[in-house]
Amino acid sequence: MKKESKAKLDLAELFYKFALGISAHIMLIDKPLEYYGQFAFGKHIVDEKELKLNRKQEKMGSAILEDVSTYMMMLQLNEILVDEWGLQSLESKDDEIKSISQVVRLIRNAFAHDPFNPIWRIPNYAKNQEYVIPDVLTLKTHELDGKKFDRMDYGGPLALLRSLQYTRNKLES
């Protein structure tokens, strides 16, 4: 694996874990976040009143952060896969490479046009398929096209973390 690819994978994993950690903290601990009393940058100054969110907004923000981290991870993984395996990875003879590439591309595309309201956009060649990353996840594209993105369609957030780790192992082998 290229040194740059490893660094990008590490950053994608770090950001994704951070988002999951922040989300867990906000959802599980019944304590609001702490905000700066005052924050200044350059000529701009804001106080806590301008920055502070209520609990409902914090929970919504944590869900958005999870979605953004999912999109960022898939965007970065796609670039790494192209760098490492080339543009033809979607048509690879290796079923694992093909599945990893398809899952990454399909999730990335779901977020690409409307990141705050991701929708599955399944191209004709990928409809009615099953993409399997062994012992990690299965994405069945039957009836997904046009459906609101739901992380349970592929097994949830930890399935994506394991997919990244699986991809790293595959690239290192």
C-alpha atoms as a PDB file:
ATOM      1  CA  MET A   1       0.000   0.000   0.000  1.00  0.00           C
ATOM      2  CA  LYS A   2       1.223   3.482  -0.836  1.00  0.00           C
ATOM      3  CA  LYS A   3       2.312   5.620   2.101  1.00  0.00           C
ATOM      4  CA  GLU A   4      -0.202   8.330   1.134  1.00  0.00           C
ATOM      5  CA  SER A   5      -3.032   5.786   1.045  1.00  0.00           C
ATOM      6  CA  LYS A   6      -2.193   4.541   4.527  1.00  0.00           C
ATOM      7  CA  ALA A   7      -2.153   8.101   5.887  1.00  0.00           C
ATOM      8  CA  LYS A   8      -5.524   8.826   4.256  1.00  0.00           C
ATOM      9  CA  LEU A   9      -7.027   5.598   5.645  1.00  0.00           C
ATOM     10  CA  ASP A  10      -5.761   6.470   9.114  1.00  0.00           C
ATOM     11  CA  LEU A  11      -7.343   9.952   8.955  1.00  0.00           C
ATOM     12  CA  ALA A  12     -10.644   8.596   7.634  1.00  0.00           C
ATOM     13  CA  GLU A  13     -10.760   6.039  10.442  1.00  0.00           C
ATOM     14  CA  LEU A  14      -9.843   8.630  13.071  1.00  0.00           C
ATOM     15  CA  PHE A  15     -12.578  11.038  11.941  1.00  0.00           C
ATOM     16  CA  TYR A  16     -15.188   8.277  11.727  1.00  0.00           C
ATOM     17  CA  LYS A  17     -14.360   6.991  15.231  1.00  0.00           C
ATOM     18  CA  PHE A  18     -14.412  10.568  16.547  1.00  0.00           C
ATOM     19  CA  ALA A  19     -17.891  11.116  15.088  1.00  0.00           C
ATOM     20  CA  LEU A  20     -19.158   7.858  16.607  1.00  0.00           C
ATOM     21  CA  GLY A  21     -17.632   8.828  19.964  1.00  0.00           C
ATOM     22  CA  ILE A  22     -19.194  12.300  19.966  1.00  0.00           C
ATOM     23  CA  SER A  23     -22.537  10.814  18.983  1.00  0.00           C
ATOM     24  CA  ALA A  24     -22.355   8.220  21.768  1.00  0.00           C
ATOM     25  CA  HIS A  25     -21.439  10.900  24.286  1.00  0.00           C
ATOM     26  CA  ILE A  26     -24.348  13.114  23.305  1.00  0.00           C
ATOM     27  CA  MET A  27     -26.898  10.302  23.103  1.00  0.00           C
ATOM     28  CA  LEU A  28     -25.867   8.375  26.222  1.00  0.00           C
ATOM     29  CA  ILE A  29     -24.718  11.011  28.688  1.00  0.00           C
ATOM     30  CA  ASP A  30     -27.473  13.287  29.899  1.00  0.00           C
ATOM     31  CA  LYS A  31     -25.212  16.304  30.134  1.00  0.00           C
ATOM     32  CA  PRO A  32     -25.115  19.155  27.630  1.00  0.00           C
ATOM     33  CA  LEU A  33     -21.936  20.036  25.813  1.00  0.00           C
ATOM     34  CA  GLU A  34     -19.746  22.788  27.152  1.00  0.00           C
ATOM     35  CA  TYR A  35     -19.280  25.860  24.979  1.00  0.00           C
ATOM     36  CA  TYR A  36     -16.776  28.668  24.875  1.00  0.00           C
ATOM     37  CA  GLY A  37     -17.847  31.602  27.009  1.00  0.00           C
ATOM     38  CA  GLN A  38     -16.441  33.733  24.226  1.00  0.00           C
ATOM     39  CA  PHE A  39     -14.674  32.818  21.008  1.00  0.00           C
ATOM     40  CA  ALA A  40     -12.660  35.207  18.887  1.00  0.00           C
ATOM     41  CA  PHE A  41     -11.001  34.658  15.544  1.00  0.00           C
ATOM     42  CA  GLY A  42      -9.588  37.531  13.589  1.00  0.00           C
ATOM     43  CA  LYS A  43     -11.989  40.437  13.811  1.00  0.00           C
ATOM     44  CA  HIS A  44     -14.980  38.259  14.756  1.00  0.00           C
ATOM     45  CA  ILE A  45     -16.154  37.562  18.289  1.00  0.00           C
ATOM     46  CA  VAL A  46     -19.076  35.413  19.422  1.00  0.00           C
ATOM     47  CA  ASP A  47     -20.295  34.594  22.904  1.00  0.00           C
ATOM     48  CA  GLU A  48     -21.727  31.420  24.390  1.00  0.00           C
ATOM     49  CA  LYS A  49     -25.300  32.557  23.727  1.00  0.00           C
ATOM     50  CA  GLU A  50     -24.636  32.625  19.972  1.00  0.00           C
ATOM     51  CA  LEU A  51     -22.875  29.245  19.934  1.00  0.00           C
ATOM     52  CA  LYS A  52     -24.883  27.172  22.371  1.00  0.00           C
ATOM     53  CA  LEU A  53     -27.301  24.547  21.097  1.00  0.00           C
ATOM     54  CA  ASN A  54     -30.164  23.009  23.044  1.00  0.00           C
ATOM     55  CA  ARG A  55     -30.168  19.224  23.683  1.00  0.00           C
ATOM     56  CA  LYS A  56     -32.404  18.492  20.696  1.00  0.00           C
ATOM     57  CA  GLN A  57     -30.056  20.456  18.424  1.00  0.00           C
ATOM     58  CA  GLU A  58     -27.003  18.716  19.897  1.00  0.00           C
ATOM     59  CA  LYS A  59     -28.558  15.329  19.144  1.00  0.00           C
ATOM     60  CA  MET A  60     -29.409  16.422  15.610  1.00  0.00           C
ATOM     61  CA  GLY A  61     -25.882  17.755  15.198  1.00  0.00           C
ATOM     62  CA  SER A  62     -24.368  14.474  16.333  1.00  0.00           C
ATOM     63  CA  ALA A  63     -26.481  12.568  13.793  1.00  0.00           C
ATOM     64  CA  ILE A  64     -25.346  14.992  11.074  1.00  0.00           C
ATOM     65  CA  LEU A  65     -21.720  14.510  12.170  1.00  0.00           C
ATOM     66  CA  GLU A  66     -22.125  10.735  11.800  1.00  0.00           C
ATOM     67  CA  ASP A  67     -23.534  11.204   8.294  1.00  0.00           C
ATOM     68  CA  VAL A  68     -20.758  13.637   7.338  1.00  0.00           C
ATOM     69  CA  SER A  69     -18.116  11.246   8.640  1.00  0.00           C
ATOM     70  CA  THR A  70     -19.712   8.393   6.680  1.00  0.00           C
ATOM     71  CA  TYR A  71     -19.625  10.478   3.506  1.00  0.00           C
ATOM     72  CA  MET A  72     -16.057  11.650   4.138  1.00  0.00           C
ATOM     73  CA  MET A  73     -14.875   8.103   4.797  1.00  0.00           C
ATOM     74  CA  MET A  74     -16.517   6.784   1.618  1.00  0.00           C
ATOM     75  CA  LEU A  75     -15.194   9.717  -0.420  1.00  0.00           C
ATOM     76  CA  GLN A  76     -11.667   9.106   0.865  1.00  0.00           C
ATOM     77  CA  LEU A  77     -11.908   5.321   0.479  1.00  0.00           C
ATOM     78  CA  ASN A  78     -13.026   5.739  -3.116  1.00  0.00           C
ATOM     79  CA  GLU A  79      -9.974   7.882  -3.877  1.00  0.00           C
ATOM     80  CA  ILE A  80      -7.683   5.376  -2.172  1.00  0.00           C
ATOM     81  CA  LEU A  81      -9.199   2.468  -4.109  1.00  0.00           C
ATOM     82  CA  VAL A  82      -8.689   4.313  -7.390  1.00  0.00           C
ATOM     83  CA  ASP A  83      -5.089   5.158  -6.396  1.00  0.00           C
ATOM     84  CA  GLU A  84      -4.353   1.582  -5.370  1.00  0.00           C
ATOM     85  CA  TRP A  85      -6.442  -0.567  -7.723  1.00  0.00           C
ATOM     86  CA  GLY A  86      -7.207   1.802 -10.589  1.00  0.00           C
ATOM     87  CA  LEU A  87     -10.430   2.939 -12.188  1.00  0.00           C
ATOM     88  CA  GLN A  88     -11.331  -0.622 -13.155  1.00  0.00           C
ATOM     89  CA  SER A  89     -11.793  -1.850  -9.565  1.00  0.00           C
ATOM     90  CA  LEU A  90     -15.572  -1.929 -10.100  1.00  0.00           C
ATOM     91  CA  GLU A  91     -15.028  -4.587 -12.755  1.00  0.00           C
ATOM     92  CA  SER A  92     -12.279  -6.502 -10.966  1.00  0.00           C
ATOM     93  CA  LYS A  93     -12.054 -10.278 -11.327  1.00  0.00           C
ATOM     94  CA  ASP A  94     -11.428 -10.348  -7.563  1.00  0.00           C
ATOM     95  CA  ASP A  95     -14.923 -10.441  -6.014  1.00  0.00           C
ATOM     96  CA  GLU A  96     -13.716  -8.819  -2.785  1.00  0.00           C
ATOM     97  CA  ILE A  97     -12.156  -5.854  -4.593  1.00  0.00           C
ATOM     98  CA  LYS A  98     -15.275  -5.493  -6.730  1.00  0.00           C
ATOM     99  CA  SER A  99     -17.578  -5.613  -3.691  1.00  0.00           C
ATOM    100  CA  ILE A 100     -15.498  -3.172  -1.643  1.00  0.00           C
ATOM    101  CA  SER A 101     -15.371  -0.778  -4.582  1.00  0.00           C
ATOM    102  CA  GLN A 102     -19.104  -1.036  -5.287  1.00  0.00           C
ATOM    103  CA  VAL A 103     -20.164  -0.593  -1.656  1.00  0.00           C
ATOM    104  CA  VAL A 104     -17.905   2.440  -1.253  1.00  0.00           C
ATOM    105  CA  ARG A 105     -19.074   3.998  -4.508  1.00  0.00           C
ATOM    106  CA  LEU A 106     -22.770   3.383  -3.833  1.00  0.00           C
ATOM    107  CA  ILE A 107     -22.660   4.830  -0.314  1.00  0.00           C
ATOM    108  CA  ARG A 108     -20.616   7.801  -1.528  1.00  0.00           C
ATOM    109  CA  ASN A 109     -23.138   8.444  -4.299  1.00  0.00           C
ATOM    110  CA  ALA A 110     -26.058   8.323  -1.865  1.00  0.00           C
ATOM    111  CA  PHE A 111     -24.610  11.371  -0.100  1.00  0.00           C
ATOM    112  CA  ALA A 112     -23.142  13.176  -3.103  1.00  0.00           C
ATOM    113  CA  HIS A 113     -26.169  15.155  -4.274  1.00  0.00           C
ATOM    114  CA  ASP A 114     -27.800  15.962  -0.946  1.00  0.00           C
ATOM    115  CA  PRO A 115     -25.578  15.182   2.069  1.00  0.00           C
ATOM    116  CA  PHE A 116     -28.244  16.135   4.629  1.00  0.00           C
ATOM    117  CA  ASN A 117     -30.831  13.906   2.948  1.00  0.00           C
ATOM    118  CA  PRO A 118     -28.953  11.012   1.342  1.00  0.00           C
ATOM    119  CA  ILE A 119     -30.853   8.883  -1.145  1.00  0.00           C
ATOM    120  CA  TRP A 120     -29.684   5.627  -2.680  1.00  0.00           C
ATOM    121  CA  ARG A 121     -28.946   6.169  -6.388  1.00  0.00           C
ATOM    122  CA  ILE A 122     -28.249   2.750  -7.819  1.00  0.00           C
ATOM    123  CA  PRO A 123     -27.073   2.671 -11.449  1.00  0.00           C
ATOM    124  CA  ASN A 124     -28.649   0.021 -13.696  1.00  0.00           C
ATOM    125  CA  TYR A 125     -25.532  -2.177 -13.704  1.00  0.00           C
ATOM    126  CA  ALA A 126     -25.614  -2.360  -9.883  1.00  0.00           C
ATOM    127  CA  LYS A 127     -29.348  -2.989  -9.406  1.00  0.00           C
ATOM    128  CA  ASN A 128     -30.515  -6.325  -8.043  1.00  0.00           C
ATOM    129  CA  GLN A 129     -27.030  -7.274  -6.894  1.00  0.00           C
ATOM    130  CA  GLU A 130     -25.478  -8.428  -3.637  1.00  0.00           C
ATOM    131  CA  TYR A 131     -22.093  -7.024  -2.730  1.00  0.00           C
ATOM    132  CA  VAL A 132     -20.407  -8.982   0.029  1.00  0.00           C
ATOM    133  CA  ILE A 133     -17.398  -8.019   2.088  1.00  0.00           C
ATOM    134  CA  PRO A 134     -16.782 -11.366   3.831  1.00  0.00           C
ATOM    135  CA  ASP A 135     -17.745 -11.480   7.510  1.00  0.00           C
ATOM    136  CA  VAL A 136     -18.258  -7.686   7.457  1.00  0.00           C
ATOM    137  CA  LEU A 137     -21.302  -6.629   5.456  1.00  0.00           C
ATOM    138  CA  THR A 138     -23.660  -7.428   2.625  1.00  0.00           C
ATOM    139  CA  LEU A 139     -25.290  -4.708   0.556  1.00  0.00           C
ATOM    140  CA  LYS A 140     -28.332  -5.940  -1.354  1.00  0.00           C
ATOM    141  CA  THR A 141     -29.295  -3.360  -3.964  1.00  0.00           C
ATOM    142  CA  HIS A 142     -32.747  -4.845  -4.663  1.00  0.00           C
ATOM    143  CA  GLU A 143     -35.313  -2.050  -4.302  1.00  0.00           C
ATOM    144  CA  LEU A 144     -32.763   0.466  -2.923  1.00  0.00           C
ATOM    145  CA  ASP A 145     -32.787   2.906  -5.833  1.00  0.00           C
ATOM    146  CA  GLY A 146     -34.543   6.135  -4.804  1.00  0.00           C
ATOM    147  CA  LYS A 147     -34.973   4.968  -1.198  1.00  0.00           C
ATOM    148  CA  LYS A 148     -33.858   7.159   1.693  1.00  0.00           C
ATOM    149  CA  PHE A 149     -30.418   6.070   2.848  1.00  0.00           C
ATOM    150  CA  ASP A 150     -30.625   3.858   5.927  1.00  0.00           C
ATOM    151  CA  ARG A 151     -27.444   2.555   7.485  1.00  0.00           C
ATOM    152  CA  MET A 152     -29.196  -0.691   8.339  1.00  0.00           C
ATOM    153  CA  ASP A 153     -29.284  -1.405   4.586  1.00  0.00           C
ATOM    154  CA  TYR A 154     -25.646  -2.482   4.946  1.00  0.00           C
ATOM    155  CA  GLY A 155     -25.484  -3.465   8.606  1.00  0.00           C
ATOM    156  CA  GLY A 156     -24.919  -0.194  10.444  1.00  0.00           C
ATOM    157  CA  PRO A 157     -22.049   2.096  11.369  1.00  0.00           C
ATOM    158  CA  LEU A 158     -19.735  -0.564  12.745  1.00  0.00           C
ATOM    159  CA  ALA A 159     -19.997  -2.489   9.479  1.00  0.00           C
ATOM    160  CA  LEU A 160     -18.447   0.543   7.769  1.00  0.00           C
ATOM    161  CA  LEU A 161     -15.658   0.741  10.332  1.00  0.00           C
ATOM    162  CA  ARG A 162     -14.938  -2.951   9.761  1.00  0.00           C
ATOM    163  CA  SER A 163     -15.089  -2.369   5.993  1.00  0.00           C
ATOM    164  CA  LEU A 164     -12.385   0.262   6.251  1.00  0.00           C
ATOM    165  CA  GLN A 165     -10.264  -2.086   8.348  1.00  0.00           C
ATOM    166  CA  TYR A 166     -10.913  -4.941   5.923  1.00  0.00           C
ATOM    167  CA  THR A 167      -9.886  -2.705   3.030  1.00  0.00           C
ATOM    168  CA  ARG A 168      -6.677  -1.766   4.827  1.00  0.00           C
ATOM    169  CA  ASN A 169      -5.846  -5.459   5.350  1.00  0.00           C
ATOM    170  CA  LYS A 170      -6.632  -6.233   1.702  1.00  0.00           C
ATOM    171  CA  LEU A 171      -4.385  -3.385   0.528  1.00  0.00           C
ATOM    172  CA  GLU A 172      -1.560  -4.529   2.798  1.00  0.00           C
ATOM    173  CA  SER A 173      -1.679  -8.149   1.588  1.00  0.00           C
END
